[in-house]
Amino acid sequence: MKVQKQKYNIDEIVPLITATEIRDAYTQGHSQRVAYYAYLLTHSLQFDEKICKNVYIAGLLHDVGKIGIPDNILLKPGELDGEEFELIKLHSSISGKIVKTIPHYSHLSEIVSAHHENYDGSGYPLGLKAQEIPIEARLLTISDVFDALTTRRVYRAPIPFEKSLTILTELDGKFDPIFLDAFIKMIRKHGIAKDDIEAIKFNELEELRNSFFFLDPLTKALNRDGLLAILRRSSDYEYKVVLTFINIKHFKDYNKLYGLKKGDTLLNEISKKFQHAFSCKHIMNEPKHHDAYFARIHADKFALLYIGQREDFISYKLQEIVSECKKEFGVEISSDIIIKNKKLSHHIKNELGYLL
């Protein structure tokens, strides 16, 4: 990567790439990796140096249009609805328009705009197909999808190397078949890009975003979206998942009797007890064996997620807290444990939607 940076003198576009990645912390290094994979693919196909350079630079710039997508859509932790998806699709056109304003690279604007066009014509923004799509864009598309599959996203863990290659081959019609075959041979030789790909880390900024999207502002426990994100990212793990729904009985009556402020205090105190007892996580790292997550999913309803723990341990700790809350606050708490002995489905929202 460093060789290419020196070779192509990309210093003038690095700030633009950095600005894009500041907005979308979960794709840090994505543009660099896509450019790297696409360059290797182009080189393996023995294209001339001009096309190699075009592919590399276009790969670095392909997502700069995300800077024009509203945060509530670009950073949304859950699935996008139809209208939101139409809006995020605009990023490829916006990328092309931005690149067109860069004097040395304006000739790459059509390539950048077309990186979501599909070989069978089902892509966007223009629905181009086959040879209508610039060669460089056809090369970029495969690299873009591969990196998306093999890196962490807020809604899932990275997909393993071999499984990612299988998914690529199953996406009939999306890729140029000749380029796809060449990519699979190339990537088996070179493997997934290592950590020497340059990317600025924005850990503090990412943590603030996690707080905004995934934490309940009152109790500082995870909110419903945060819990769903962890559940999705736990779906590829073999560990048993113990999910417990916790409900404060007669909470509406408590609010009427003591007032909303006292009710908020009660929610806070009960939340603290659970988070202290189970050493719950807040930061959205990869779920690990014995990690616990506590979420407020409705006004008086909570959920405890434990990965890889025995049910008898959970039951014992729950009973302790239930007894403490009865003694200290005069409230009763009910709990229902759901055990998932097999892997969770990626459609966890559909499975548990009626509960969440």
Foldseek 3Di string as FASTA:
>chain_A
DVVLCVVLVCVVCVVLLQLLCLLPVQCFLLLLQLLVLLLLLCVLVVDDPVLSNLLNVLSSQLQSLCVVQDSCLNVPLDDDDPVSVVRNLCRQLSSLVVQCPVVVRVVSSLLSSCLQAFQQQPGDDVSDHNPSHDPSSLSSNLSNQLSVQQCDDLQAHRDDDVVSLVVSVVPPGRHDVVSNVSSVVSCVVVPRDDPVSDGDHDVVSLLVVLQVNFADVLQRAGEPSNVNSLLSHQQPPQWKKKKKKKFWPPLVVVCVVPNPVVSSVLVNVLSVLVCVLQVADRDSDRDDAQHKGKYDYDSGMIMIMTTRDDPVVVVVSVVVSQVVCCVPPVIGMDMDMDIDNGRDDSVVCVVCVVVD
